[in-house]
Amino acid sequence: MSNEPLYDILPHFVKYQKRYILLLAFIVLFIPLLINSIQGDPLLMGQESYFVLEESSRVPWYHFSFSFINILQSFLPASLLFCIPFLLGIGTLLLYFRFGDNKLFSRQWNFIFLLILVSSPAFIFTFSTISATALFAFFTLTGFVLLTEKKVWLHYCGVVPFAIAATLDIFHSFFLLVIVTWFLHTYKWKKHHRNIAIATAASTLLLGIITKLPFLLGPFSIPQLSADFISDLGGMSGMSFFVIMIALVGLFTAWKRKSFIVTYFFLLFTIATYIYAPQTIFVLTLVTIVFAAFGLQKLVERKWILEGIRTFTLLLLLLGLLFSLSTYEQRLHTFSPMADQVDALTWLHDTTPGDVRVFSNAENEHFIRYFAERDAFSSYNKNQQKTDAIFNATSVSLLFRLLEEDNIKYIYLTPQLKQELERNQQFIYLLENERFKLEYHANDVEVWQFRKR
């Protein structure tokens, strides 16, 4: 037995990793819910959650992933919708453990990989929101579990969850085809596996044509390459700086393993995709953590001249991960709508005609559409130039013309938006006009009516 207690206890965690990883996942996913509950804010976080809920209620049935959410939404009361991402997260881990029972990975590497993944902001945010990534992970793993069962007919059943996962967007569909083909080719490719790969590709292509998939859903926030990648810089997802450090160790040592060569190509692909569309951060995080797990495993297994230095190094890395995790958990609630904002949007829903258009910034688009059920003018995908022009209007006449051109009747201001507008007092000042009326004001949340002449 080693004199290093940290090293001696690792086999225990590896042996009982399922219970420890699930416990960790329960804790990290429950803490944001607890914070929001204490503050009285909605338990369901993120703009994407409300986009998916809104979209699922109006798209055709053959958008299988959205139809799945629509079915759940029809059974669950609004107050319990937060259970959907929570259960998707726990369910995804259970599927992964079932998939891992096929001895595809070493138990020690598996534990290290899951430990880093579950404690990453990317995992926490993904499974705190009803997101395309959460749905993709759940249904893709369901398909892989069926592919690794002993009965051949279950292998063919795997096409069904793959088809559901393929109705999100083009990026996830392409990524699905790549990993399914790679998996079937790498692990005992048989004749019927070729049929499964063809069926998966055909269903993905057919569904893509029928559903007219976008390349990617979103974006649901302002892209920030560095902050979205390194969560310590204030992003809503990504990974810790310490994980990146460990991943660099794995990056420069894993190349000796032939089985890791394809992972380098995955890394290059995910980096390029992330630069083009930062909302693909979860996939990049996943590939990075594969290298981080290999790097941390190397640090644990290698022989150190001074064992105390190894213990100190590992403790430093673990404490860094814990600190990053705790700071992220404390600010995660800021990515959800506040109770005061929901009250204002509910007021809009109850007191305004159903055809009015509401002006705000893009960050509030899907909150307006879901809670107020009104048309939101501003979006990350459209009207950005007009939105900036309205916020930067230098005269009342210009502001009037811009609002009238797009038939905007209400202006919705949150404390965060007003704080951003403090850099340009002109817009707030222009609202002090007889054609603007403050219809709602509570806890610094405001709704202004723009009246016609």
Protein backbone atom coordinates (compact mmCIF):
# COMPACT_ATOMS: atom_id res chain seq x y z
CA MET A 1 0.00 0.00 0.00
CA SER A 2 1.23 3.45 -0.88
CA ASN A 3 1.90 6.11 1.72
CA GLU A 4 -0.21 8.51 -0.34
CA PRO A 5 -3.85 8.38 0.88
CA LEU A 6 -5.11 10.25 -2.17
CA TYR A 7 -3.72 7.57 -4.46
CA ASP A 8 -4.90 4.71 -2.24
CA ILE A 9 -8.51 5.90 -2.17
CA LEU A 10 -8.79 6.18 -5.96
CA PRO A 11 -9.54 2.45 -6.52
CA HIS A 12 -12.52 2.78 -4.15
CA PHE A 13 -14.00 5.63 -6.19
CA VAL A 14 -13.26 3.77 -9.43
CA LYS A 15 -14.99 0.64 -8.15
CA TYR A 16 -18.11 2.49 -6.99
CA GLN A 17 -17.97 5.22 -9.61
CA LYS A 18 -21.59 4.88 -10.65
CA ARG A 19 -22.97 5.90 -7.27
CA TYR A 20 -20.40 8.69 -6.76
CA ILE A 21 -20.80 10.19 -10.23
CA LEU A 22 -24.60 10.10 -10.01
CA LEU A 23 -24.43 11.70 -6.55
CA LEU A 24 -22.15 14.43 -7.89
CA ALA A 25 -24.48 15.02 -10.85
CA PHE A 26 -27.48 15.25 -8.53
CA ILE A 27 -25.70 17.83 -6.37
CA VAL A 28 -24.38 20.06 -9.18
CA LEU A 29 -27.76 20.06 -10.95
CA PHE A 30 -29.75 20.56 -7.75
CA ILE A 31 -27.80 23.55 -6.41
CA PRO A 32 -28.95 26.00 -9.15
CA LEU A 33 -32.54 24.84 -8.60
CA LEU A 34 -32.17 25.44 -4.87
CA ILE A 35 -30.74 28.95 -5.39
CA ASN A 36 -33.53 29.90 -7.79
CA SER A 37 -36.15 28.45 -5.45
CA ILE A 38 -34.83 30.47 -2.50
CA GLN A 39 -34.88 33.65 -4.59
CA GLY A 40 -38.35 32.90 -5.95
CA ASP A 41 -37.18 32.82 -9.57
CA PRO A 42 -38.29 30.29 -12.23
CA LEU A 43 -36.48 26.97 -11.86
CA LEU A 44 -36.13 26.52 -15.61
CA MET A 45 -33.10 28.44 -16.85
CA GLY A 46 -31.77 29.74 -20.14
CA GLN A 47 -33.34 31.30 -23.23
CA GLU A 48 -33.01 28.03 -25.12
CA SER A 49 -35.38 26.30 -22.69
CA TYR A 50 -38.17 28.70 -23.51
CA PHE A 51 -37.35 28.58 -27.22
CA VAL A 52 -37.69 24.79 -27.21
CA LEU A 53 -40.95 24.91 -25.22
CA GLU A 54 -42.38 27.50 -27.58
CA GLU A 55 -41.13 25.73 -30.72
CA SER A 56 -42.33 22.29 -29.63
CA SER A 57 -45.92 23.49 -29.39
CA ARG A 58 -46.09 24.69 -33.01
CA VAL A 59 -43.82 22.51 -35.19
CA PRO A 60 -45.19 19.47 -37.09
CA TRP A 61 -45.12 16.05 -35.44
CA TYR A 62 -42.23 14.77 -37.58
CA HIS A 63 -39.86 17.09 -35.72
CA PHE A 64 -39.44 14.16 -33.36
CA SER A 65 -37.15 15.81 -30.82
CA PHE A 66 -39.52 18.76 -30.36
CA SER A 67 -42.53 16.43 -30.38
CA PHE A 68 -40.94 14.55 -27.50
CA ILE A 69 -40.77 17.78 -25.48
CA ASN A 70 -44.31 18.68 -26.50
CA ILE A 71 -45.58 15.36 -25.13
CA LEU A 72 -43.78 15.94 -21.83
CA GLN A 73 -45.07 19.51 -21.73
CA SER A 74 -48.65 18.29 -22.15
CA PHE A 75 -48.34 16.01 -19.11
CA LEU A 76 -46.27 18.20 -16.79
CA PRO A 77 -47.54 21.39 -15.16
CA ALA A 78 -45.46 24.49 -15.89
CA SER A 79 -44.04 24.43 -12.36
CA LEU A 80 -42.45 21.01 -12.99
CA LEU A 81 -40.91 21.63 -16.41
CA PHE A 82 -37.52 22.06 -14.71
CA CYS A 83 -37.60 18.28 -14.17
CA ILE A 84 -37.09 17.68 -17.90
CA PRO A 85 -33.42 18.78 -18.16
CA PHE A 86 -32.66 17.34 -14.71
CA LEU A 87 -33.98 13.91 -15.71
CA LEU A 88 -32.28 14.15 -19.11
CA GLY A 89 -28.97 14.71 -17.30
CA ILE A 90 -29.37 11.80 -14.91
CA GLY A 91 -30.78 9.61 -17.68
CA THR A 92 -27.86 10.42 -19.98
CA LEU A 93 -25.39 9.35 -17.29
CA LEU A 94 -27.28 6.10 -16.65
CA LEU A 95 -27.19 5.38 -20.38
CA TYR A 96 -23.47 6.12 -20.46
CA PHE A 97 -22.86 3.65 -17.63
CA ARG A 98 -24.88 1.04 -19.49
CA PHE A 99 -22.86 1.79 -22.61
CA GLY A 100 -19.61 1.59 -20.62
CA ASP A 101 -20.51 -1.87 -19.30
CA ASN A 102 -19.34 -3.19 -22.65
CA LYS A 103 -15.72 -2.58 -21.55
CA LEU A 104 -15.07 -0.02 -24.26
CA PHE A 105 -13.06 2.10 -21.82
CA SER A 106 -10.93 1.35 -18.77
CA ARG A 107 -12.78 1.89 -15.49
CA GLN A 108 -10.17 4.32 -14.18
CA TRP A 109 -10.24 6.48 -17.32
CA ASN A 110 -14.02 6.31 -17.31
CA PHE A 111 -14.21 7.62 -13.73
CA ILE A 112 -11.77 10.47 -14.38
CA PHE A 113 -13.60 11.43 -17.58
CA LEU A 114 -16.99 11.52 -15.88
CA LEU A 115 -15.64 13.35 -12.83
CA ILE A 116 -14.31 16.18 -14.99
CA LEU A 117 -17.34 16.19 -17.30
CA VAL A 118 -20.04 16.28 -14.61
CA SER A 119 -18.28 19.08 -12.75
CA SER A 120 -17.85 21.15 -15.93
CA PRO A 121 -20.02 24.25 -16.55
CA ALA A 122 -20.86 22.85 -20.00
CA PHE A 123 -22.54 19.80 -18.45
CA ILE A 124 -24.26 21.79 -15.70
CA PHE A 125 -25.66 24.42 -18.05
CA THR A 126 -26.66 21.90 -20.72
CA PHE A 127 -28.70 19.85 -18.25
CA SER A 128 -30.09 22.85 -16.39
CA THR A 129 -31.80 23.93 -19.62
CA ILE A 130 -34.01 22.17 -22.15
CA SER A 131 -31.39 22.33 -24.86
CA ALA A 132 -30.73 20.71 -28.21
CA THR A 133 -27.48 19.36 -26.81
CA ALA A 134 -29.23 17.67 -23.88
CA LEU A 135 -31.73 16.02 -26.22
CA PHE A 136 -28.99 15.01 -28.64
CA ALA A 137 -26.86 13.44 -25.90
CA PHE A 138 -29.80 11.51 -24.45
CA PHE A 139 -31.12 10.05 -27.70
CA THR A 140 -27.68 9.41 -29.21
CA LEU A 141 -26.59 7.44 -26.15
CA THR A 142 -29.88 5.54 -26.22
CA GLY A 143 -29.01 4.50 -29.76
CA PHE A 144 -25.50 3.43 -28.80
CA VAL A 145 -26.77 1.40 -25.85
CA LEU A 146 -29.09 -0.48 -28.22
CA LEU A 147 -26.19 -1.00 -30.65
CA THR A 148 -24.13 -2.70 -27.94
CA GLU A 149 -26.86 -5.09 -26.76
CA LYS A 150 -26.47 -8.78 -27.56
CA LYS A 151 -29.68 -9.19 -29.54
CA VAL A 152 -29.37 -8.14 -33.18
CA TRP A 153 -32.95 -6.83 -33.41
CA LEU A 154 -32.09 -4.28 -30.70
CA HIS A 155 -29.26 -3.04 -32.92
CA TYR A 156 -31.82 -2.14 -35.59
CA CYS A 157 -33.98 -0.44 -32.93
CA GLY A 158 -31.06 1.94 -32.40
CA VAL A 159 -32.00 3.70 -35.65
CA VAL A 160 -35.12 5.12 -33.92
CA PRO A 161 -33.35 7.25 -31.26
CA PHE A 162 -30.74 8.20 -33.85
CA ALA A 163 -33.56 9.47 -36.08
CA ILE A 164 -34.99 11.50 -33.20
CA ALA A 165 -31.56 13.02 -32.49
CA ALA A 166 -31.26 13.90 -36.19
CA THR A 167 -34.26 16.28 -36.12
CA LEU A 168 -32.51 19.06 -34.19
CA ASP A 169 -30.21 20.76 -36.69
CA ILE A 170 -27.71 20.00 -39.45
CA PHE A 171 -24.65 20.21 -37.19
CA HIS A 172 -25.91 17.58 -34.75
CA SER A 173 -27.11 15.38 -37.63
CA PHE A 174 -23.67 15.47 -39.27
CA PHE A 175 -21.93 14.84 -35.95
CA LEU A 176 -24.27 11.89 -35.36
CA LEU A 177 -23.39 10.32 -38.71
CA VAL A 178 -19.68 10.72 -38.04
CA ILE A 179 -19.68 9.10 -34.60
CA VAL A 180 -22.07 6.29 -35.60
CA THR A 181 -19.94 5.42 -38.65
CA TRP A 182 -16.73 5.64 -36.62
CA PHE A 183 -18.15 3.48 -33.83
CA LEU A 184 -19.49 0.76 -36.10
CA HIS A 185 -16.27 0.70 -38.09
CA THR A 186 -14.01 0.63 -35.02
CA TYR A 187 -15.85 -1.88 -32.85
CA LYS A 188 -16.46 -5.18 -34.65
CA TRP A 189 -18.13 -3.98 -37.84
CA LYS A 190 -20.53 -6.70 -39.03
CA LYS A 191 -22.75 -7.04 -42.07
CA HIS A 192 -25.92 -5.86 -40.34
CA HIS A 193 -24.02 -2.86 -38.92
CA ARG A 194 -23.55 -1.63 -42.48
CA ASN A 195 -27.33 -1.76 -42.89
CA ILE A 196 -27.77 0.22 -39.67
CA ALA A 197 -25.29 2.86 -40.84
CA ILE A 198 -27.12 3.15 -44.18
CA ALA A 199 -30.51 3.35 -42.43
CA THR A 200 -29.22 6.02 -40.05
CA ALA A 201 -27.75 8.07 -42.91
CA ALA A 202 -30.92 7.71 -45.01
CA SER A 203 -33.25 8.69 -42.15
CA THR A 204 -31.02 11.63 -41.25
CA LEU A 205 -30.97 12.89 -44.83
CA LEU A 206 -34.71 12.37 -45.32
CA LEU A 207 -35.65 14.07 -42.04
CA GLY A 208 -33.27 16.92 -42.81
CA ILE A 209 -35.06 17.54 -46.12
CA ILE A 210 -38.57 17.20 -44.66
CA THR A 211 -37.98 19.32 -41.56
CA LYS A 212 -35.81 21.94 -43.32
CA LEU A 213 -33.33 21.95 -40.47
CA PRO A 214 -31.21 25.03 -39.73
CA PHE A 215 -27.46 24.57 -39.50
CA LEU A 216 -27.66 25.27 -35.77
CA LEU A 217 -30.33 26.37 -33.33
CA GLY A 218 -29.68 29.75 -31.80
CA PRO A 219 -27.62 31.59 -30.87
CA PHE A 220 -29.19 32.28 -27.49
CA SER A 221 -26.57 34.68 -26.20
CA ILE A 222 -24.00 37.13 -27.53
CA PRO A 223 -21.06 35.02 -28.81
CA GLN A 224 -17.82 35.55 -26.85
CA LEU A 225 -15.15 33.12 -28.02
CA SER A 226 -12.86 33.31 -25.00
CA ALA A 227 -15.53 33.64 -22.27
CA ASP A 228 -17.74 30.93 -23.79
CA PHE A 229 -14.75 28.57 -23.91
CA ILE A 230 -13.24 29.33 -20.47
CA SER A 231 -16.05 29.63 -17.93
CA ASP A 232 -13.77 31.40 -15.43
CA LEU A 233 -13.92 34.45 -17.74
CA GLY A 234 -17.65 34.83 -17.10
CA GLY A 235 -19.24 32.67 -19.79
CA MET A 236 -22.41 30.67 -19.26
CA SER A 237 -20.88 27.36 -20.36
CA GLY A 238 -17.47 25.99 -21.34
CA MET A 239 -14.87 24.57 -18.99
CA SER A 240 -12.46 25.54 -16.26
CA PHE A 241 -8.99 26.88 -16.96
CA PHE A 242 -7.64 23.96 -14.91
CA VAL A 243 -9.33 21.45 -17.24
CA ILE A 244 -7.61 23.09 -20.21
CA MET A 245 -4.25 22.78 -18.43
CA ILE A 246 -4.83 19.07 -17.81
CA ALA A 247 -6.04 18.62 -21.39
CA LEU A 248 -2.75 20.04 -22.68
CA VAL A 249 -0.94 17.26 -20.80
CA GLY A 250 -3.17 14.70 -22.50
CA LEU A 251 -2.84 16.41 -25.86
CA PHE A 252 0.95 16.02 -25.89
CA THR A 253 0.98 12.45 -24.56
CA ALA A 254 -2.06 10.72 -26.10
CA TRP A 255 -0.67 10.79 -29.66
CA LYS A 256 1.35 7.66 -28.84
CA ARG A 257 -1.90 5.68 -28.72
CA LYS A 258 -3.26 4.77 -32.14
CA SER A 259 -6.82 4.69 -30.77
CA PHE A 260 -6.52 8.40 -29.94
CA ILE A 261 -5.47 9.54 -33.42
CA VAL A 262 -9.06 10.01 -34.58
CA THR A 263 -9.72 12.13 -31.47
CA TYR A 264 -7.24 14.73 -32.75
CA PHE A 265 -9.31 15.06 -35.94
CA PHE A 266 -12.44 15.42 -33.81
CA LEU A 267 -10.68 18.17 -31.87
CA LEU A 268 -9.74 20.10 -35.00
CA PHE A 269 -13.28 19.76 -36.33
CA THR A 270 -14.89 20.94 -33.08
CA ILE A 271 -12.48 23.89 -32.76
CA ALA A 272 -13.31 25.04 -36.30
CA THR A 273 -17.03 24.63 -35.64
CA TYR A 274 -16.78 26.48 -32.33
CA ILE A 275 -15.06 29.45 -33.98
CA TYR A 276 -17.87 29.57 -36.53
CA ALA A 277 -20.69 28.97 -34.00
CA PRO A 278 -19.82 29.23 -30.27
CA GLN A 279 -23.07 27.47 -29.30
CA THR A 280 -21.32 24.18 -30.19
CA ILE A 281 -19.22 24.56 -27.04
CA PHE A 282 -20.51 21.34 -25.45
CA VAL A 283 -19.06 19.18 -28.22
CA LEU A 284 -15.71 20.97 -27.98
CA THR A 285 -15.81 20.59 -24.20
CA LEU A 286 -16.52 16.88 -24.56
CA VAL A 287 -13.53 16.28 -26.83
CA THR A 288 -11.28 18.46 -24.65
CA ILE A 289 -12.28 16.49 -21.55
CA VAL A 290 -11.35 13.25 -23.33
CA PHE A 291 -7.79 14.60 -23.49
CA ALA A 292 -8.03 16.00 -19.96
CA ALA A 293 -9.03 12.58 -18.62
CA PHE A 294 -6.08 10.99 -20.37
CA GLY A 295 -3.76 13.70 -19.04
CA LEU A 296 -4.98 13.34 -15.45
CA GLN A 297 -4.70 9.56 -15.70
CA LYS A 298 -1.09 9.97 -16.81
CA LEU A 299 -0.37 12.23 -13.83
CA VAL A 300 -1.90 9.67 -11.47
CA GLU A 301 -0.14 6.63 -12.93
CA ARG A 302 3.32 7.97 -13.66
CA LYS A 303 6.14 7.34 -11.19
CA TRP A 304 7.18 10.46 -9.33
CA ILE A 305 10.55 10.85 -7.66
CA LEU A 306 8.82 12.56 -4.75
CA GLU A 307 5.33 11.15 -4.11
CA GLY A 308 4.44 14.22 -2.06
CA ILE A 309 4.75 16.41 -5.16
CA ARG A 310 2.27 14.20 -7.00
CA THR A 311 -0.23 14.49 -4.15
CA PHE A 312 0.26 18.26 -3.99
CA THR A 313 -0.18 18.60 -7.77
CA LEU A 314 -3.34 16.50 -7.85
CA LEU A 315 -4.81 18.31 -4.84
CA LEU A 316 -4.05 21.66 -6.46
CA LEU A 317 -5.84 20.61 -9.64
CA LEU A 318 -8.84 19.22 -7.74
CA LEU A 319 -9.12 22.33 -5.59
CA GLY A 320 -8.93 24.48 -8.71
CA LEU A 321 -11.76 22.50 -10.28
CA LEU A 322 -13.79 22.77 -7.06
CA PHE A 323 -13.25 26.53 -6.83
CA SER A 324 -14.22 27.03 -10.47
CA LEU A 325 -17.31 24.86 -9.95
CA SER A 326 -18.44 26.76 -6.85
CA THR A 327 -18.07 30.20 -8.46
CA TYR A 328 -19.95 29.03 -11.54
CA GLU A 329 -22.81 27.58 -9.47
CA GLN A 330 -23.19 30.91 -7.67
CA ARG A 331 -23.76 32.88 -10.88
CA LEU A 332 -25.68 30.28 -12.87
CA HIS A 333 -29.01 31.63 -11.63
CA THR A 334 -28.34 34.93 -13.46
CA PHE A 335 -28.98 33.11 -16.76
CA SER A 336 -32.64 32.57 -15.91
CA PRO A 337 -35.50 35.11 -15.97
CA MET A 338 -36.10 36.75 -12.61
CA ALA A 339 -39.48 36.53 -10.89
CA ASP A 340 -40.04 40.29 -11.35
CA GLN A 341 -39.46 39.94 -15.08
CA VAL A 342 -41.91 37.05 -15.32
CA ASP A 343 -44.51 39.18 -13.49
CA ALA A 344 -44.04 42.01 -16.01
CA LEU A 345 -44.32 39.65 -18.98
CA THR A 346 -47.39 38.02 -17.46
CA TRP A 347 -48.90 41.52 -17.14
CA LEU A 348 -48.17 42.08 -20.84
CA HIS A 349 -49.94 38.83 -21.66
CA ASP A 350 -53.00 39.68 -19.56
CA THR A 351 -53.49 43.34 -20.51
CA THR A 352 -52.38 43.81 -24.12
CA PRO A 353 -53.87 42.66 -27.46
CA GLY A 354 -52.43 39.43 -28.82
CA ASP A 355 -51.02 41.00 -31.98
CA VAL A 356 -48.81 43.69 -30.40
CA ARG A 357 -45.06 43.76 -31.03
CA VAL A 358 -42.73 44.23 -28.06
CA PHE A 359 -39.32 45.87 -28.31
CA SER A 360 -36.43 44.88 -26.06
CA ASN A 361 -32.94 43.47 -26.56
CA ALA A 362 -32.27 40.03 -28.06
CA GLU A 363 -31.55 38.52 -24.63
CA ASN A 364 -35.25 38.79 -23.80
CA GLU A 365 -36.66 37.47 -27.09
CA HIS A 366 -37.76 34.01 -26.02
CA PHE A 367 -38.85 35.13 -22.56
CA ILE A 368 -41.24 37.58 -24.27
CA ARG A 369 -42.48 34.93 -26.69
CA TYR A 370 -43.04 32.31 -23.98
CA PHE A 371 -44.36 34.25 -20.97
CA ALA A 372 -46.12 37.15 -22.72
CA GLU A 373 -46.98 35.20 -25.89
CA ARG A 374 -46.27 38.34 -27.89
CA ASP A 375 -44.12 39.00 -30.94
CA ALA A 376 -40.59 40.03 -29.91
CA PHE A 377 -38.98 42.43 -32.36
CA SER A 378 -35.33 41.89 -31.44
CA SER A 379 -33.50 38.65 -32.14
CA TYR A 380 -29.93 37.42 -32.49
CA ASN A 381 -30.81 36.24 -36.00
CA LYS A 382 -32.71 39.27 -37.29
CA ASN A 383 -33.38 42.98 -36.77
CA GLN A 384 -30.07 43.52 -34.97
CA GLN A 385 -29.22 46.63 -37.00
CA LYS A 386 -32.68 48.09 -36.43
CA THR A 387 -32.47 47.27 -32.72
CA ASP A 388 -29.16 49.11 -32.44
CA ALA A 389 -30.60 52.02 -34.42
CA ILE A 390 -33.53 52.34 -32.00
CA PHE A 391 -31.33 52.17 -28.91
CA ASN A 392 -28.93 54.71 -30.42
CA ALA A 393 -31.58 57.12 -31.71
CA THR A 394 -30.45 60.70 -31.15
CA SER A 395 -33.78 62.46 -31.58
CA VAL A 396 -37.43 61.92 -30.76
CA SER A 397 -38.46 62.22 -34.40
CA LEU A 398 -35.99 59.50 -35.44
CA LEU A 399 -37.14 57.22 -32.62
CA PHE A 400 -40.80 57.77 -33.54
CA ARG A 401 -40.11 56.91 -37.18
CA LEU A 402 -38.20 53.72 -36.34
CA LEU A 403 -40.90 52.46 -33.97
CA GLU A 404 -43.70 53.29 -36.39
CA GLU A 405 -41.95 51.57 -39.31
CA ASP A 406 -42.01 48.24 -37.49
CA ASN A 407 -45.32 48.71 -35.70
CA ILE A 408 -43.76 48.53 -32.23
CA LYS A 409 -46.25 49.36 -29.49
CA TYR A 410 -44.51 48.33 -26.26
CA ILE A 411 -40.98 48.64 -24.90
CA TYR A 412 -39.82 46.16 -22.25
CA LEU A 413 -36.87 47.18 -20.06
CA THR A 414 -35.16 44.98 -17.46
CA PRO A 415 -32.66 46.18 -14.83
CA GLN A 416 -29.82 44.55 -16.79
CA LEU A 417 -30.86 46.28 -20.01
CA LYS A 418 -31.24 49.64 -18.28
CA GLN A 419 -27.77 49.23 -16.81
CA GLU A 420 -26.38 48.67 -20.31
CA LEU A 421 -28.26 51.72 -21.57
CA GLU A 422 -26.70 53.92 -18.88
CA ARG A 423 -23.73 54.24 -21.20
CA ASN A 424 -26.14 55.94 -23.60
CA GLN A 425 -28.57 58.04 -21.58
CA GLN A 426 -30.16 59.38 -24.77
CA PHE A 427 -32.63 56.48 -25.20
CA ILE A 428 -33.91 56.66 -21.61
CA TYR A 429 -34.19 60.44 -21.94
CA LEU A 430 -36.22 60.15 -25.17
CA LEU A 431 -38.84 58.08 -23.35
CA GLU A 432 -39.75 61.19 -21.35
CA ASN A 433 -42.19 62.25 -24.05
CA GLU A 434 -45.98 62.47 -24.14
CA ARG A 435 -46.19 59.68 -26.72
CA PHE A 436 -44.57 57.25 -24.28
CA LYS A 437 -46.49 56.10 -21.23
CA LEU A 438 -45.04 54.03 -18.38
CA GLU A 439 -47.71 51.34 -18.10
CA TYR A 440 -45.90 48.97 -15.74
CA HIS A 441 -43.16 49.52 -13.17
CA ALA A 442 -42.11 47.13 -10.41
CA ASN A 443 -38.68 46.47 -8.92
CA ASP A 444 -36.96 48.36 -11.74
CA VAL A 445 -38.71 46.35 -14.48
CA GLU A 446 -40.60 48.66 -16.85
CA VAL A 447 -43.07 48.37 -19.71
CA TRP A 448 -43.61 51.51 -21.82
CA GLN A 449 -46.43 52.00 -24.29
CA PHE A 450 -45.73 53.84 -27.53
CA ARG A 451 -48.90 55.64 -28.56
CA LYS A 452 -49.87 56.70 -32.06
CA ARG A 453 -50.74 60.32 -32.78
